[in-house]
Amino acid sequence: MADKPEPAEELVKVFDTEQETEAMVVQGLLQSAGIDAYVQSLDATQSIYPGVGGVIVVVRQDQAREATAMIDEFSKHPTTDADEAVSEEPAGPKP
């Protein structure tokens, strides 16, 4: 994966949020699937434009459809810590 997109590459917004951490999770999800994803800040000067800003995730145009599908699927079935936990109950009969 490239560290930064090429200047002439067209990037497409596939996700936006006000929370940087949420954007980072989406970026990680996409990157783990081999999609080059970049987080860009949209922060505006709060004294001039209060409440304006946020963070977007952009991808290369040729990966946008796959990225959008992954984000949609993840939002329908998010993984939780409980899903990751392994049951540690001892085997055998219960009392």
PDB file of N, CA and C in Angstrom:
ATOM      1  N   MET A   1       0.816  -1.168   0.000  1.00  0.00           N
ATOM      2  CA  MET A   1       0.000   0.000   0.000  1.00  0.00           C
ATOM      3  C   MET A   1       0.871   1.247   0.000  1.00  0.00           C
ATOM      4  N   ALA A   2       0.462   2.208  -0.723  1.00  0.00           N
ATOM      5  CA  ALA A   2       1.215   3.446  -0.819  1.00  0.00           C
ATOM      6  C   ALA A   2       1.012   4.284   0.433  1.00  0.00           C
ATOM      7  N   ASP A   3       2.053   5.048   0.797  1.00  0.00           N
ATOM      8  CA  ASP A   3       1.939   5.923   1.954  1.00  0.00           C
ATOM      9  C   ASP A   3       1.052   7.125   1.660  1.00  0.00           C
ATOM     10  N   LYS A   4       1.198   7.673   0.467  1.00  0.00           N
ATOM     11  CA  LYS A   4       0.397   8.829   0.061  1.00  0.00           C
ATOM     12  C   LYS A   4      -0.072   8.592  -1.371  1.00  0.00           C
ATOM     13  N   PRO A   5      -1.254   9.095  -1.707  1.00  0.00           N
ATOM     14  CA  PRO A   5      -1.728   8.931  -3.084  1.00  0.00           C
ATOM     15  C   PRO A   5      -0.888   9.775  -4.036  1.00  0.00           C
ATOM     16  N   GLU A   6      -0.792   9.319  -5.260  1.00  0.00           N
ATOM     17  CA  GLU A   6      -0.112  10.094  -6.287  1.00  0.00           C
ATOM     18  C   GLU A   6      -0.886  11.389  -6.503  1.00  0.00           C
ATOM     19  N   PRO A   7      -0.204  12.508  -6.771  1.00  0.00           N
ATOM     20  CA  PRO A   7      -0.902  13.795  -6.939  1.00  0.00           C
ATOM     21  C   PRO A   7      -1.961  13.790  -8.040  1.00  0.00           C
ATOM     22  N   ALA A   8      -1.751  13.026  -9.108  1.00  0.00           N
ATOM     23  CA  ALA A   8      -2.685  13.042 -10.228  1.00  0.00           C
ATOM     24  C   ALA A   8      -3.837  12.039 -10.058  1.00  0.00           C
ATOM     25  N   GLU A   9      -3.771  11.211  -9.004  1.00  0.00           N
ATOM     26  CA  GLU A   9      -4.813  10.207  -8.800  1.00  0.00           C
ATOM     27  C   GLU A   9      -6.117  10.856  -8.359  1.00  0.00           C
ATOM     28  N   GLU A  10      -7.214  10.332  -8.892  1.00  0.00           N
ATOM     29  CA  GLU A  10      -8.519  10.810  -8.447  1.00  0.00           C
ATOM     30  C   GLU A  10      -8.968   9.946  -7.282  1.00  0.00           C
ATOM     31  N   LEU A  11      -9.248  10.599  -6.168  1.00  0.00           N
ATOM     32  CA  LEU A  11      -9.703   9.897  -4.973  1.00  0.00           C
ATOM     33  C   LEU A  11     -11.185  10.168  -4.770  1.00  0.00           C
ATOM     34  N   VAL A  12     -11.871   9.164  -4.227  1.00  0.00           N
ATOM     35  CA  VAL A  12     -13.315   9.231  -4.051  1.00  0.00           C
ATOM     36  C   VAL A  12     -13.634   9.084  -2.572  1.00  0.00           C
ATOM     37  N   LYS A  13     -14.517   9.926  -2.070  1.00  0.00           N
ATOM     38  CA  LYS A  13     -14.949   9.835  -0.672  1.00  0.00           C
ATOM     39  C   LYS A  13     -15.879   8.635  -0.534  1.00  0.00           C
ATOM     40  N   VAL A  14     -15.563   7.755   0.420  1.00  0.00           N
ATOM     41  CA  VAL A  14     -16.413   6.593   0.662  1.00  0.00           C
ATOM     42  C   VAL A  14     -17.008   6.593   2.062  1.00  0.00           C
ATOM     43  N   PHE A  15     -16.538   7.505   2.927  1.00  0.00           N
ATOM     44  CA  PHE A  15     -17.036   7.534   4.300  1.00  0.00           C
ATOM     45  C   PHE A  15     -16.751   8.898   4.902  1.00  0.00           C
ATOM     46  N   ASP A  16     -17.690   9.401   5.690  1.00  0.00           N
ATOM     47  CA  ASP A  16     -17.437  10.648   6.418  1.00  0.00           C
ATOM     48  C   ASP A  16     -18.007  10.547   7.817  1.00  0.00           C
ATOM     49  N   THR A  17     -17.382  11.252   8.723  1.00  0.00           N
ATOM     50  CA  THR A  17     -17.765  11.213  10.125  1.00  0.00           C
ATOM     51  C   THR A  17     -17.212  12.454  10.815  1.00  0.00           C
ATOM     52  N   GLU A  18     -17.697  12.708  12.006  1.00  0.00           N
ATOM     53  CA  GLU A  18     -17.146  13.785  12.815  1.00  0.00           C
ATOM     54  C   GLU A  18     -16.069  13.256  13.751  1.00  0.00           C
ATOM     55  N   GLN A  19     -15.964  11.926  13.861  1.00  0.00           N
ATOM     56  CA  GLN A  19     -15.032  11.298  14.791  1.00  0.00           C
ATOM     57  C   GLN A  19     -13.817  10.726  14.054  1.00  0.00           C
ATOM     58  N   GLU A  20     -12.644  11.219  14.380  1.00  0.00           N
ATOM     59  CA  GLU A  20     -11.428  10.723  13.737  1.00  0.00           C
ATOM     60  C   GLU A  20     -11.210   9.243  14.021  1.00  0.00           C
ATOM     61  N   THR A  21     -11.534   8.803  15.232  1.00  0.00           N
ATOM     62  CA  THR A  21     -11.332   7.395  15.578  1.00  0.00           C
ATOM     63  C   THR A  21     -12.189   6.487  14.710  1.00  0.00           C
ATOM     64  N   GLU A  22     -13.404   6.903  14.416  1.00  0.00           N
ATOM     65  CA  GLU A  22     -14.279   6.115  13.555  1.00  0.00           C
ATOM     66  C   GLU A  22     -13.694   6.020  12.143  1.00  0.00           C
ATOM     67  N   ALA A  23     -13.157   7.117  11.656  1.00  0.00           N
ATOM     68  CA  ALA A  23     -12.521   7.112  10.337  1.00  0.00           C
ATOM     69  C   ALA A  23     -11.311   6.191  10.316  1.00  0.00           C
ATOM     70  N   MET A  24     -10.565   6.156  11.414  1.00  0.00           N
ATOM     71  CA  MET A  24      -9.387   5.288  11.494  1.00  0.00           C
ATOM     72  C   MET A  24      -9.783   3.809  11.479  1.00  0.00           C
ATOM     73  N   VAL A  25     -10.902   3.487  12.123  1.00  0.00           N
ATOM     74  CA  VAL A  25     -11.393   2.107  12.106  1.00  0.00           C
ATOM     75  C   VAL A  25     -11.758   1.706  10.677  1.00  0.00           C
ATOM     76  N   VAL A  26     -12.465   2.581   9.980  1.00  0.00           N
ATOM     77  CA  VAL A  26     -12.850   2.301   8.593  1.00  0.00           C
ATOM     78  C   VAL A  26     -11.608   2.179   7.717  1.00  0.00           C
ATOM     79  N   GLN A  27     -10.637   3.053   7.914  1.00  0.00           N
ATOM     80  CA  GLN A  27      -9.399   2.975   7.148  1.00  0.00           C
ATOM     81  C   GLN A  27      -8.720   1.630   7.380  1.00  0.00           C
ATOM     82  N   GLY A  28      -8.644   1.200   8.625  1.00  0.00           N
ATOM     83  CA  GLY A  28      -8.033  -0.093   8.940  1.00  0.00           C
ATOM     84  C   GLY A  28      -8.779  -1.256   8.313  1.00  0.00           C
ATOM     85  N   LEU A  29     -10.101  -1.195   8.333  1.00  0.00           N
ATOM     86  CA  LEU A  29     -10.921  -2.232   7.717  1.00  0.00           C
ATOM     87  C   LEU A  29     -10.590  -2.348   6.227  1.00  0.00           C
ATOM     88  N   LEU A  30     -10.543  -1.206   5.559  1.00  0.00           N
ATOM     89  CA  LEU A  30     -10.269  -1.206   4.122  1.00  0.00           C
ATOM     90  C   LEU A  30      -8.840  -1.643   3.822  1.00  0.00           C
ATOM     91  N   GLN A  31      -7.897  -1.150   4.590  1.00  0.00           N
ATOM     92  CA  GLN A  31      -6.507  -1.515   4.351  1.00  0.00           C
ATOM     93  C   GLN A  31      -6.258  -2.999   4.600  1.00  0.00           C
ATOM     94  N   SER A  32      -6.977  -3.580   5.559  1.00  0.00           N
ATOM     95  CA  SER A  32      -6.802  -5.013   5.822  1.00  0.00           C
ATOM     96  C   SER A  32      -7.306  -5.860   4.651  1.00  0.00           C
ATOM     97  N   ALA A  33      -8.144  -5.260   3.804  1.00  0.00           N
ATOM     98  CA  ALA A  33      -8.645  -5.958   2.613  1.00  0.00           C
ATOM     99  C   ALA A  33      -7.841  -5.593   1.362  1.00  0.00           C
ATOM    100  N   GLY A  34      -6.742  -4.849   1.561  1.00  0.00           N
ATOM    101  CA  GLY A  34      -5.894  -4.499   0.433  1.00  0.00           C
ATOM    102  C   GLY A  34      -6.325  -3.261  -0.331  1.00  0.00           C
ATOM    103  N   ILE A  35      -7.214  -2.474   0.258  1.00  0.00           N
ATOM    104  CA  ILE A  35      -7.677  -1.243  -0.383  1.00  0.00           C
ATOM    105  C   ILE A  35      -6.883  -0.075   0.209  1.00  0.00           C
ATOM    106  N   ASP A  36      -6.274   0.717  -0.663  1.00  0.00           N
ATOM    107  CA  ASP A  36      -5.529   1.888  -0.209  1.00  0.00           C
ATOM    108  C   ASP A  36      -6.519   2.956   0.232  1.00  0.00           C
ATOM    109  N   ALA A  37      -6.562   3.220   1.522  1.00  0.00           N
ATOM    110  CA  ALA A  37      -7.514   4.192   2.085  1.00  0.00           C
ATOM    111  C   ALA A  37      -6.742   5.291   2.798  1.00  0.00           C
ATOM    112  N   TYR A  38      -7.236   6.505   2.667  1.00  0.00           N
ATOM    113  CA  TYR A  38      -6.575   7.659   3.245  1.00  0.00           C
ATOM    114  C   TYR A  38      -7.596   8.467   4.039  1.00  0.00           C
ATOM    115  N   VAL A  39      -7.174   8.969   5.199  1.00  0.00           N
ATOM    116  CA  VAL A  39      -8.036   9.797   6.037  1.00  0.00           C
ATOM    117  C   VAL A  39      -7.651  11.251   5.798  1.00  0.00           C
ATOM    118  N   GLN A  40      -8.659  12.084   5.564  1.00  0.00           N
ATOM    119  CA  GLN A  40      -8.426  13.509   5.357  1.00  0.00           C
ATOM    120  C   GLN A  40      -9.303  14.302   6.310  1.00  0.00           C
ATOM    121  N   SER A  41      -8.706  15.297   6.941  1.00  0.00           N
ATOM    122  CA  SER A  41      -9.436  16.150   7.873  1.00  0.00           C
ATOM    123  C   SER A  41     -10.128  17.270   7.124  1.00  0.00           C
ATOM    124  N   LEU A  42     -11.340  17.575   7.538  1.00  0.00           N
ATOM    125  CA  LEU A  42     -12.099  18.671   6.952  1.00  0.00           C
ATOM    126  C   LEU A  42     -12.296  19.798   7.944  1.00  0.00           C
ATOM    127  N   ASP A  43     -11.457  19.849   8.962  1.00  0.00           N
ATOM    128  CA  ASP A  43     -11.630  20.849  10.012  1.00  0.00           C
ATOM    129  C   ASP A  43     -11.592  22.263   9.453  1.00  0.00           C
ATOM    130  N   ALA A  44     -12.535  23.044   9.898  1.00  0.00           N
ATOM    131  CA  ALA A  44     -12.608  24.459   9.530  1.00  0.00           C
ATOM    132  C   ALA A  44     -12.364  25.282  10.784  1.00  0.00           C
ATOM    133  N   THR A  45     -11.943  26.487  10.619  1.00  0.00           N
ATOM    134  CA  THR A  45     -11.727  27.377  11.748  1.00  0.00           C
ATOM    135  C   THR A  45     -13.038  27.541  12.500  1.00  0.00           C
ATOM    136  N   GLN A  46     -13.077  27.092  13.740  1.00  0.00           N
ATOM    137  CA  GLN A  46     -14.318  27.057  14.506  1.00  0.00           C
ATOM    138  C   GLN A  46     -14.844  28.445  14.844  1.00  0.00           C
ATOM    139  N   SER A  47     -13.980  29.446  14.906  1.00  0.00           N
ATOM    140  CA  SER A  47     -14.464  30.795  15.196  1.00  0.00           C
ATOM    141  C   SER A  47     -15.199  31.393  13.992  1.00  0.00           C
ATOM    142  N   ILE A  48     -14.898  30.885  12.801  1.00  0.00           N
ATOM    143  CA  ILE A  48     -15.553  31.378  11.581  1.00  0.00           C
ATOM    144  C   ILE A  48     -16.695  30.456  11.165  1.00  0.00           C
ATOM    145  N   TYR A  49     -16.441  29.143  11.233  1.00  0.00           N
ATOM    146  CA  TYR A  49     -17.431  28.146  10.804  1.00  0.00           C
ATOM    147  C   TYR A  49     -17.685  27.147  11.934  1.00  0.00           C
ATOM    148  N   PRO A  50     -18.383  27.538  12.990  1.00  0.00           N
ATOM    149  CA  PRO A  50     -18.607  26.602  14.100  1.00  0.00           C
ATOM    150  C   PRO A  50     -19.412  25.389  13.662  1.00  0.00           C
ATOM    151  N   GLY A  51     -18.950  24.214  14.105  1.00  0.00           N
ATOM    152  CA  GLY A  51     -19.656  22.979  13.796  1.00  0.00           C
ATOM    153  C   GLY A  51     -19.360  22.419  12.425  1.00  0.00           C
ATOM    154  N   VAL A  52     -18.526  23.096  11.652  1.00  0.00           N
ATOM    155  CA  VAL A  52     -18.181  22.617  10.318  1.00  0.00           C
ATOM    156  C   VAL A  52     -16.870  21.856  10.414  1.00  0.00           C
ATOM    157  N   GLY A  53     -16.803  20.756   9.757  1.00  0.00           N
ATOM    158  CA  GLY A  53     -15.570  19.973   9.762  1.00  0.00           C
ATOM    159  C   GLY A  53     -15.886  18.501   9.808  1.00  0.00           C
ATOM    160  N   GLY A  54     -14.921  17.741  10.178  1.00  0.00           N
ATOM    161  CA  GLY A  54     -15.076  16.308  10.233  1.00  0.00           C
ATOM    162  C   GLY A  54     -13.901  15.630   9.567  1.00  0.00           C
ATOM    163  N   VAL A  55     -14.091  14.357   9.287  1.00  0.00           N
ATOM    164  CA  VAL A  55     -13.044  13.545   8.699  1.00  0.00           C
ATOM    165  C   VAL A  55     -13.680  12.692   7.611  1.00  0.00           C
ATOM    166  N   ILE A  56     -12.963  12.524   6.499  1.00  0.00           N
ATOM    167  CA  ILE A  56     -13.453  11.641   5.448  1.00  0.00           C
ATOM    168  C   ILE A  56     -12.407  10.571   5.166  1.00  0.00           C
ATOM    169  N   VAL A  57     -12.881   9.465   4.625  1.00  0.00           N
ATOM    170  CA  VAL A  57     -11.999   8.403   4.151  1.00  0.00           C
ATOM    171  C   VAL A  57     -12.150   8.381   2.640  1.00  0.00           C
ATOM    172  N   VAL A  58     -11.025   8.446   1.950  1.00  0.00           N
ATOM    173  CA  VAL A  58     -11.037   8.424   0.490  1.00  0.00           C
ATOM    174  C   VAL A  58     -10.223   7.231  -0.001  1.00  0.00           C
ATOM    175  N   VAL A  59     -10.602   6.753  -1.175  1.00  0.00           N
ATOM    176  CA  VAL A  59      -9.907   5.635  -1.812  1.00  0.00           C
ATOM    177  C   VAL A  59      -9.717   5.961  -3.291  1.00  0.00           C
ATOM    178  N   ARG A  60      -8.911   5.172  -3.941  1.00  0.00           N
ATOM    179  CA  ARG A  60      -8.736   5.327  -5.385  1.00  0.00           C
ATOM    180  C   ARG A  60     -10.062   5.015  -6.069  1.00  0.00           C
ATOM    181  N   GLN A  61     -10.307   5.698  -7.154  1.00  0.00           N
ATOM    182  CA  GLN A  61     -11.582   5.569  -7.854  1.00  0.00           C
ATOM    183  C   GLN A  61     -11.885   4.116  -8.235  1.00  0.00           C
ATOM    184  N   ASP A  62     -10.873   3.371  -8.658  1.00  0.00           N
ATOM    185  CA  ASP A  62     -11.107   1.984  -9.077  1.00  0.00           C
ATOM    186  C   ASP A  62     -11.390   1.041  -7.909  1.00  0.00           C
ATOM    187  N   GLN A  63     -11.209   1.505  -6.664  1.00  0.00           N
ATOM    188  CA  GLN A  63     -11.488   0.682  -5.487  1.00  0.00           C
ATOM    189  C   GLN A  63     -12.718   1.159  -4.724  1.00  0.00           C
ATOM    190  N   ALA A  64     -13.375   2.200  -5.220  1.00  0.00           N
ATOM    191  CA  ALA A  64     -14.482   2.815  -4.493  1.00  0.00           C
ATOM    192  C   ALA A  64     -15.666   1.877  -4.310  1.00  0.00           C
ATOM    193  N   ARG A  65     -16.044   1.158  -5.340  1.00  0.00           N
ATOM    194  CA  ARG A  65     -17.209   0.273  -5.238  1.00  0.00           C
ATOM    195  C   ARG A  65     -16.973  -0.820  -4.189  1.00  0.00           C
ATOM    196  N   GLU A  66     -15.805  -1.438  -4.234  1.00  0.00           N
ATOM    197  CA  GLU A  66     -15.481  -2.490  -3.265  1.00  0.00           C
ATOM    198  C   GLU A  66     -15.420  -1.915  -1.846  1.00  0.00           C
ATOM    199  N   ALA A  67     -14.841  -0.728  -1.699  1.00  0.00           N
ATOM    200  CA  ALA A  67     -14.731  -0.096  -0.385  1.00  0.00           C
ATOM    201  C   ALA A  67     -16.111   0.222   0.181  1.00  0.00           C
ATOM    202  N   THR A  68     -16.974   0.777  -0.645  1.00  0.00           N
ATOM    203  CA  THR A  68     -18.325   1.118  -0.200  1.00  0.00           C
ATOM    204  C   THR A  68     -19.091  -0.131   0.226  1.00  0.00           C
ATOM    205  N   ALA A  69     -18.950  -1.208  -0.533  1.00  0.00           N
ATOM    206  CA  ALA A  69     -19.624  -2.464  -0.187  1.00  0.00           C
ATOM    207  C   ALA A  69     -19.117  -2.997   1.146  1.00  0.00           C
ATOM    208  N   MET A  70     -17.813  -2.921   1.384  1.00  0.00           N
ATOM    209  CA  MET A  70     -17.255  -3.393   2.661  1.00  0.00           C
ATOM    210  C   MET A  70     -17.766  -2.561   3.829  1.00  0.00           C
ATOM    211  N   ILE A  71     -17.803  -1.249   3.654  1.00  0.00           N
ATOM    212  CA  ILE A  71     -18.288  -0.367   4.726  1.00  0.00           C
ATOM    213  C   ILE A  71     -19.758  -0.648   5.013  1.00  0.00           C
ATOM    214  N   ASP A  72     -20.555  -0.825   3.976  1.00  0.00           N
ATOM    215  CA  ASP A  72     -21.975  -1.130   4.160  1.00  0.00           C
ATOM    216  C   ASP A  72     -22.158  -2.454   4.903  1.00  0.00           C
ATOM    217  N   GLU A  73     -21.401  -3.462   4.512  1.00  0.00           N
ATOM    218  CA  GLU A  73     -21.509  -4.773   5.162  1.00  0.00           C
ATOM    219  C   GLU A  73     -21.072  -4.690   6.623  1.00  0.00           C
ATOM    220  N   PHE A  74     -19.996  -3.975   6.885  1.00  0.00           N
ATOM    221  CA  PHE A  74     -19.509  -3.832   8.250  1.00  0.00           C
ATOM    222  C   PHE A  74     -20.517  -3.089   9.117  1.00  0.00           C
ATOM    223  N   SER A  75     -21.158  -2.069   8.556  1.00  0.00           N
ATOM    224  CA  SER A  75     -22.127  -1.300   9.342  1.00  0.00           C
ATOM    225  C   SER A  75     -23.366  -2.129   9.670  1.00  0.00           C
ATOM    226  N   LYS A  76     -23.682  -3.115   8.844  1.00  0.00           N
ATOM    227  CA  LYS A  76     -24.816  -4.004   9.122  1.00  0.00           C
ATOM    228  C   LYS A  76     -24.468  -5.039  10.173  1.00  0.00           C
ATOM    229  N   HIS A  77     -23.200  -5.476  10.192  1.00  0.00           N
ATOM    230  CA  HIS A  77     -22.757  -6.544  11.098  1.00  0.00           C
ATOM    231  C   HIS A  77     -21.430  -6.180  11.734  1.00  0.00           C
ATOM    232  N   PRO A  78     -21.401  -5.168  12.592  1.00  0.00           N
ATOM    233  CA  PRO A  78     -20.123  -4.786  13.208  1.00  0.00           C
ATOM    234  C   PRO A  78     -19.617  -5.872  14.151  1.00  0.00           C
ATOM    235  N   THR A  79     -18.330  -6.022  14.217  1.00  0.00           N
ATOM    236  CA  THR A  79     -17.702  -6.970  15.121  1.00  0.00           C
ATOM    237  C   THR A  79     -17.555  -6.302  16.476  1.00  0.00           C
ATOM    238  N   THR A  80     -17.838  -7.047  17.512  1.00  0.00           N
ATOM    239  CA  THR A  80     -17.671  -6.509  18.865  1.00  0.00           C
ATOM    240  C   THR A  80     -16.632  -7.330  19.600  1.00  0.00           C
ATOM    241  N   ASP A  81     -16.207  -6.846  20.752  1.00  0.00           N
ATOM    242  CA  ASP A  81     -15.250  -7.591  21.559  1.00  0.00           C
ATOM    243  C   ASP A  81     -15.823  -8.941  21.952  1.00  0.00           C
ATOM    244  N   ALA A  82     -17.128  -9.016  22.167  1.00  0.00           N
ATOM    245  CA  ALA A  82     -17.761 -10.282  22.537  1.00  0.00           C
ATOM    246  C   ALA A  82     -17.627 -11.301  21.406  1.00  0.00           C
ATOM    247  N   ASP A  83     -17.670 -10.828  20.150  1.00  0.00           N
ATOM    248  CA  ASP A  83     -17.503 -11.733  19.020  1.00  0.00           C
ATOM    249  C   ASP A  83     -16.095 -12.305  18.979  1.00  0.00           C
ATOM    250  N   GLU A  84     -15.138 -11.532  19.455  1.00  0.00           N
ATOM    251  CA  GLU A  84     -13.739 -11.933  19.414  1.00  0.00           C
ATOM    252  C   GLU A  84     -13.379 -12.841  20.589  1.00  0.00           C
ATOM    253  N   ALA A  85     -14.166 -12.787  21.664  1.00  0.00           N
ATOM    254  CA  ALA A  85     -13.836 -13.546  22.866  1.00  0.00           C
ATOM    255  C   ALA A  85     -13.997 -15.036  22.624  1.00  0.00           C
ATOM    256  N   VAL A  86     -13.130 -15.779  23.241  1.00  0.00           N
ATOM    257  CA  VAL A  86     -13.182 -17.235  23.151  1.00  0.00           C
ATOM    258  C   VAL A  86     -13.740 -17.747  24.471  1.00  0.00           C
ATOM    259  N   SER A  87     -14.685 -18.640  24.374  1.00  0.00           N
ATOM    260  CA  SER A  87     -15.262 -19.203  25.582  1.00  0.00           C
ATOM    261  C   SER A  87     -14.188 -19.999  26.331  1.00  0.00           C
ATOM    262  N   GLU A  88     -14.050 -19.714  27.611  1.00  0.00           N
ATOM    263  CA  GLU A  88     -13.054 -20.399  28.414  1.00  0.00           C
ATOM    264  C   GLU A  88     -13.694 -21.283  29.469  1.00  0.00           C
ATOM    265  N   GLU A  89     -14.914 -21.745  29.192  1.00  0.00           N
ATOM    266  CA  GLU A  89     -15.573 -22.642  30.144  1.00  0.00           C
ATOM    267  C   GLU A  89     -14.873 -23.991  30.096  1.00  0.00           C
ATOM    268  N   PRO A  90     -14.677 -24.598  31.247  1.00  0.00           N
ATOM    269  CA  PRO A  90     -14.028 -25.909  31.254  1.00  0.00           C
ATOM    270  C   PRO A  90     -14.906 -26.969  30.597  1.00  0.00           C
ATOM    271  N   ALA A  91     -14.278 -27.880  29.936  1.00  0.00           N
ATOM    272  CA  ALA A  91     -15.021 -28.965  29.298  1.00  0.00           C
ATOM    273  C   ALA A  91     -15.482 -29.952  30.363  1.00  0.00           C
ATOM    274  N   GLY A  92     -16.518 -30.677  30.043  1.00  0.00           N
ATOM    275  CA  GLY A  92     -17.006 -31.682  30.972  1.00  0.00           C
ATOM    276  C   GLY A  92     -18.407 -31.365  31.442  1.00  0.00           C
ATOM    277  N   PRO A  93     -18.956 -32.235  32.267  1.00  0.00           N
ATOM    278  CA  PRO A  93     -20.324 -32.041  32.744  1.00  0.00           C
ATOM    279  C   PRO A  93     -20.430 -30.847  33.675  1.00  0.00           C
ATOM    280  N   LYS A  94     -21.590 -30.201  33.608  1.00  0.00           N
ATOM    281  CA  LYS A  94     -21.850 -29.062  34.482  1.00  0.00           C
ATOM    282  C   LYS A  94     -22.500 -29.566  35.759  1.00  0.00           C
ATOM    283  N   PRO A  95     -22.192 -28.927  36.867  1.00  0.00           N
ATOM    284  CA  PRO A  95     -22.747 -29.379  38.168  1.00  0.00           C
ATOM    285  C   PRO A  95     -24.233 -29.210  38.231  1.00  0.00           C
TER     286      PRO A  95
END
